[in-house]
């Protein structure tokens, strides 16, 4: 009779968080056209997202 040792499985989880920003803007459009087309994504400081 043989006995088998159970396989031990372990998990390591790491959660990262980061922020990213971008700006949508076209040099081919006027400032008013960029604002109308891209809205808050055209802000001069950028438009951000937080990721987890």
PDB file of N, CA and C in Angstrom:
ATOM      1  N   UNK A   1       0.835  -1.173   0.000  1.00  0.00           N
ATOM      2  CA  UNK A   1       0.000   0.000   0.000  1.00  0.00           C
ATOM      3  C   UNK A   1       0.886   1.245   0.000  1.00  0.00           C
ATOM      4  N   UNK A   2       0.580   2.159  -0.888  1.00  0.00           N
ATOM      5  CA  UNK A   2       1.360   3.393  -0.956  1.00  0.00           C
ATOM      6  C   UNK A   2       0.514   4.555  -0.445  1.00  0.00           C
ATOM      7  N   UNK A   3       1.179   5.449   0.208  1.00  0.00           N
ATOM      8  CA  UNK A   3       0.495   6.668   0.664  1.00  0.00           C
ATOM      9  C   UNK A   3       1.090   7.842  -0.082  1.00  0.00           C
ATOM     10  N   UNK A   4       0.254   8.713  -0.505  1.00  0.00           N
ATOM     11  CA  UNK A   4       0.763   9.886  -1.219  1.00  0.00           C
ATOM     12  C   UNK A   4       0.613  11.119  -0.331  1.00  0.00           C
ATOM     13  N   UNK A   5       1.594  11.959  -0.422  1.00  0.00           N
ATOM     14  CA  UNK A   5       1.571  13.212   0.331  1.00  0.00           C
ATOM     15  C   UNK A   5       0.756  14.233  -0.457  1.00  0.00           C
ATOM     16  N   UNK A   6      -0.182  14.928   0.190  1.00  0.00           N
ATOM     17  CA  UNK A   6      -0.962  15.927  -0.547  1.00  0.00           C
ATOM     18  C   UNK A   6      -0.063  17.057  -1.063  1.00  0.00           C
ATOM     19  N   UNK A   7      -0.394  17.538  -2.226  1.00  0.00           N
ATOM     20  CA  UNK A   7       0.361  18.646  -2.818  1.00  0.00           C
ATOM     21  C   UNK A   7      -0.075  19.936  -2.132  1.00  0.00           C
ATOM     22  N   UNK A   8       0.891  20.669  -1.661  1.00  0.00           N
ATOM     23  CA  UNK A   8       0.590  21.941  -1.006  1.00  0.00           C
ATOM     24  C   UNK A   8       0.698  23.058  -2.036  1.00  0.00           C
ATOM     25  N   UNK A   9      -0.332  23.864  -2.102  1.00  0.00           N
ATOM     26  CA  UNK A   9      -0.350  24.985  -3.044  1.00  0.00           C
ATOM     27  C   UNK A   9      -0.475  26.267  -2.237  1.00  0.00           C
ATOM     28  N   UNK A  10       0.358  27.235  -2.536  1.00  0.00           N
ATOM     29  CA  UNK A  10       0.296  28.530  -1.859  1.00  0.00           C
ATOM     30  C   UNK A  10       0.170  29.648  -2.881  1.00  0.00           C
ATOM     31  N   UNK A  11      -0.456  30.710  -2.484  1.00  0.00           N
ATOM     32  CA  UNK A  11      -0.637  31.863  -3.360  1.00  0.00           C
ATOM     33  C   UNK A  11      -0.111  33.111  -2.665  1.00  0.00           C
ATOM     34  N   UNK A  12       0.536  33.949  -3.422  1.00  0.00           N
ATOM     35  CA  UNK A  12       0.976  35.251  -2.931  1.00  0.00           C
ATOM     36  C   UNK A  12       0.308  36.293  -3.810  1.00  0.00           C
ATOM     37  N   UNK A  13      -0.396  37.215  -3.189  1.00  0.00           N
ATOM     38  CA  UNK A  13      -1.110  38.249  -3.938  1.00  0.00           C
ATOM     39  C   UNK A  13      -0.567  39.611  -3.547  1.00  0.00           C
ATOM     40  N   UNK A  14      -0.393  40.446  -4.530  1.00  0.00           N
ATOM     41  CA  UNK A  14       0.076  41.809  -4.288  1.00  0.00           C
ATOM     42  C   UNK A  14      -0.848  42.754  -5.035  1.00  0.00           C
ATOM     43  N   UNK A  15      -1.377  43.738  -4.340  1.00  0.00           N
ATOM     44  CA  UNK A  15      -2.267  44.716  -4.957  1.00  0.00           C
ATOM     45  C   UNK A  15      -1.501  46.019  -5.131  1.00  0.00           C
ATOM     46  N   UNK A  16      -1.499  46.526  -6.330  1.00  0.00           N
ATOM     47  CA  UNK A  16      -0.835  47.787  -6.648  1.00  0.00           C
ATOM     48  C   UNK A  16      -1.883  48.835  -6.973  1.00  0.00           C
ATOM     49  N   UNK A  17      -1.587  50.059  -6.667  1.00  0.00           N
ATOM     50  CA  UNK A  17      -2.452  51.188  -7.016  1.00  0.00           C
ATOM     51  C   UNK A  17      -1.593  52.226  -7.709  1.00  0.00           C
ATOM     52  N   UNK A  18      -2.147  52.828  -8.760  1.00  0.00           N
ATOM     53  CA  UNK A  18      -1.434  53.911  -9.419  1.00  0.00           C
ATOM     54  C   UNK A  18      -2.423  54.829 -10.108  1.00  0.00           C
ATOM     55  N   UNK A  19      -1.972  56.031 -10.363  1.00  0.00           N
ATOM     56  CA  UNK A  19      -2.774  57.029 -11.059  1.00  0.00           C
ATOM     57  C   UNK A  19      -2.133  57.315 -12.407  1.00  0.00           C
ATOM     58  N   UNK A  20      -2.964  57.609 -13.379  1.00  0.00           N
ATOM     59  CA  UNK A  20      -2.478  57.950 -14.714  1.00  0.00           C
ATOM     60  C   UNK A  20      -3.312  59.112 -15.238  1.00  0.00           C
ATOM     61  N   UNK A  21      -2.689  59.963 -16.027  1.00  0.00           N
ATOM     62  CA  UNK A  21      -3.401  61.113 -16.579  1.00  0.00           C
ATOM     63  C   UNK A  21      -3.093  61.240 -18.062  1.00  0.00           C
ATOM     64  N   UNK A  22      -4.025  61.841 -18.777  1.00  0.00           N
ATOM     65  CA  UNK A  22      -3.827  62.097 -20.199  1.00  0.00           C
ATOM     66  C   UNK A  22      -4.620  63.337 -20.584  1.00  0.00           C
ATOM     67  N   UNK A  23      -4.336  63.846 -21.741  1.00  0.00           N
ATOM     68  CA  UNK A  23      -5.080  64.980 -22.274  1.00  0.00           C
ATOM     69  C   UNK A  23      -5.354  64.720 -23.742  1.00  0.00           C
ATOM     70  N   UNK A  24      -6.612  64.864 -24.121  1.00  0.00           N
ATOM     71  CA  UNK A  24      -6.987  64.747 -25.526  1.00  0.00           C
ATOM     72  C   UNK A  24      -7.052  66.151 -26.103  1.00  0.00           C
ATOM     73  N   UNK A  25      -6.289  66.391 -27.145  1.00  0.00           N
ATOM     74  CA  UNK A  25      -6.199  67.711 -27.750  1.00  0.00           C
ATOM     75  C   UNK A  25      -5.679  67.559 -29.172  1.00  0.00           C
ATOM     76  N   UNK A  26      -6.260  68.318 -30.083  1.00  0.00           N
ATOM     77  CA  UNK A  26      -5.802  68.298 -31.469  1.00  0.00           C
ATOM     78  C   UNK A  26      -5.284  69.674 -31.852  1.00  0.00           C
ATOM     79  N   UNK A  27      -4.082  69.713 -32.410  1.00  0.00           N
ATOM     80  CA  UNK A  27      -3.517  70.987 -32.869  1.00  0.00           C
ATOM     81  C   UNK A  27      -4.255  71.498 -34.099  1.00  0.00           C
ATOM     82  N   UNK A  28      -5.059  70.654 -34.719  1.00  0.00           N
ATOM     83  CA  UNK A  28      -5.802  71.026 -35.922  1.00  0.00           C
ATOM     84  C   UNK A  28      -7.141  71.675 -35.608  1.00  0.00           C
ATOM     85  N   UNK A  29      -7.501  71.740 -34.316  1.00  0.00           N
ATOM     86  CA  UNK A  29      -8.766  72.337 -33.901  1.00  0.00           C
ATOM     87  C   UNK A  29      -8.507  73.564 -33.041  1.00  0.00           C
ATOM     88  N   UNK A  30      -9.485  74.465 -33.011  1.00  0.00           N
ATOM     89  CA  UNK A  30      -9.380  75.636 -32.137  1.00  0.00           C
ATOM     90  C   UNK A  30      -9.610  75.193 -30.694  1.00  0.00           C
ATOM     91  N   UNK A  31      -9.319  76.094 -29.753  1.00  0.00           N
ATOM     92  CA  UNK A  31      -9.529  75.779 -28.337  1.00  0.00           C
ATOM     93  C   UNK A  31     -10.993  75.443 -28.076  1.00  0.00           C
ATOM     94  N   UNK A  32     -11.904  76.214 -28.658  1.00  0.00           N
ATOM     95  CA  UNK A  32     -13.338  75.972 -28.461  1.00  0.00           C
ATOM     96  C   UNK A  32     -13.758  74.626 -29.058  1.00  0.00           C
ATOM     97  N   UNK A  33     -13.216  74.281 -30.220  1.00  0.00           N
ATOM     98  CA  UNK A  33     -13.551  72.996 -30.850  1.00  0.00           C
ATOM     99  C   UNK A  33     -13.020  71.818 -30.020  1.00  0.00           C
ATOM    100  N   UNK A  34     -11.805  71.971 -29.478  1.00  0.00           N
ATOM    101  CA  UNK A  34     -11.237  70.924 -28.626  1.00  0.00           C
ATOM    102  C   UNK A  34     -12.090  70.711 -27.381  1.00  0.00           C
ATOM    103  N   UNK A  35     -12.531  71.800 -26.755  1.00  0.00           N
ATOM    104  CA  UNK A  35     -13.367  71.693 -25.558  1.00  0.00           C
ATOM    105  C   UNK A  35     -14.702  71.042 -25.903  1.00  0.00           C
ATOM    106  N   UNK A  36     -15.295  71.456 -27.023  1.00  0.00           N
ATOM    107  CA  UNK A  36     -16.586  70.888 -27.429  1.00  0.00           C
ATOM    108  C   UNK A  36     -16.461  69.393 -27.745  1.00  0.00           C
ATOM    109  N   UNK A  37     -15.360  69.006 -28.366  1.00  0.00           N
ATOM    110  CA  UNK A  37     -15.181  67.614 -28.771  1.00  0.00           C
ATOM    111  C   UNK A  37     -14.732  66.710 -27.624  1.00  0.00           C
ATOM    112  N   UNK A  38     -13.756  67.168 -26.838  1.00  0.00           N
ATOM    113  CA  UNK A  38     -13.138  66.317 -25.824  1.00  0.00           C
ATOM    114  C   UNK A  38     -13.606  66.584 -24.395  1.00  0.00           C
ATOM    115  N   UNK A  39     -14.290  67.690 -24.158  1.00  0.00           N
ATOM    116  CA  UNK A  39     -14.818  67.993 -22.822  1.00  0.00           C
ATOM    117  C   UNK A  39     -13.749  68.000 -21.747  1.00  0.00           C
ATOM    118  N   UNK A  40     -14.022  67.317 -20.609  1.00  0.00           N
ATOM    119  CA  UNK A  40     -13.087  67.333 -19.478  1.00  0.00           C
ATOM    120  C   UNK A  40     -11.752  66.663 -19.796  1.00  0.00           C
ATOM    121  N   UNK A  41     -11.699  65.870 -20.837  1.00  0.00           N
ATOM    122  CA  UNK A  41     -10.436  65.231 -21.232  1.00  0.00           C
ATOM    123  C   UNK A  41      -9.485  66.216 -21.908  1.00  0.00           C
ATOM    124  N   UNK A  42      -9.954  67.438 -22.162  1.00  0.00           N
ATOM    125  CA  UNK A  42      -9.120  68.454 -22.799  1.00  0.00           C
ATOM    126  C   UNK A  42      -8.547  69.438 -21.785  1.00  0.00           C
ATOM    127  N   UNK A  43      -8.764  69.235 -20.501  1.00  0.00           N
ATOM    128  CA  UNK A  43      -8.276  70.159 -19.471  1.00  0.00           C
ATOM    129  C   UNK A  43      -6.761  70.274 -19.566  1.00  0.00           C
ATOM    130  N   UNK A  44      -6.222  71.486 -19.412  1.00  0.00           N
ATOM    131  CA  UNK A  44      -4.776  71.705 -19.572  1.00  0.00           C
ATOM    132  C   UNK A  44      -3.942  70.922 -18.558  1.00  0.00           C
ATOM    133  N   UNK A  45      -4.501  70.622 -17.406  1.00  0.00           N
ATOM    134  CA  UNK A  45      -3.769  69.834 -16.403  1.00  0.00           C
ATOM    135  C   UNK A  45      -3.926  68.333 -16.622  1.00  0.00           C
ATOM    136  N   UNK A  46      -4.724  67.966 -17.594  1.00  0.00           N
ATOM    137  CA  UNK A  46      -4.938  66.551 -17.876  1.00  0.00           C
ATOM    138  C   UNK A  46      -6.180  66.017 -17.197  1.00  0.00           C
ATOM    139  N   UNK A  47      -6.524  64.807 -17.532  1.00  0.00           N
ATOM    140  CA  UNK A  47      -7.696  64.105 -17.013  1.00  0.00           C
ATOM    141  C   UNK A  47      -7.187  62.779 -16.479  1.00  0.00           C
ATOM    142  N   UNK A  48      -7.473  62.483 -15.224  1.00  0.00           N
ATOM    143  CA  UNK A  48      -6.844  61.324 -14.606  1.00  0.00           C
ATOM    144  C   UNK A  48      -7.763  60.174 -14.272  1.00  0.00           C
ATOM    145  N   UNK A  49      -7.121  59.042 -14.018  1.00  0.00           N
ATOM    146  CA  UNK A  49      -7.793  57.808 -13.608  1.00  0.00           C
ATOM    147  C   UNK A  49      -6.964  57.156 -12.511  1.00  0.00           C
ATOM    148  N   UNK A  50      -7.637  56.533 -11.577  1.00  0.00           N
ATOM    149  CA  UNK A  50      -6.969  55.750 -10.538  1.00  0.00           C
ATOM    150  C   UNK A  50      -7.238  54.274 -10.806  1.00  0.00           C
ATOM    151  N   UNK A  51      -6.197  53.484 -10.718  1.00  0.00           N
ATOM    152  CA  UNK A  51      -6.312  52.054 -10.999  1.00  0.00           C
ATOM    153  C   UNK A  51      -5.893  51.242  -9.782  1.00  0.00           C
ATOM    154  N   UNK A  52      -6.512  50.084  -9.629  1.00  0.00           N
ATOM    155  CA  UNK A  52      -6.168  49.168  -8.544  1.00  0.00           C
ATOM    156  C   UNK A  52      -5.985  47.791  -9.145  1.00  0.00           C
TER     157      UNK A  52
END
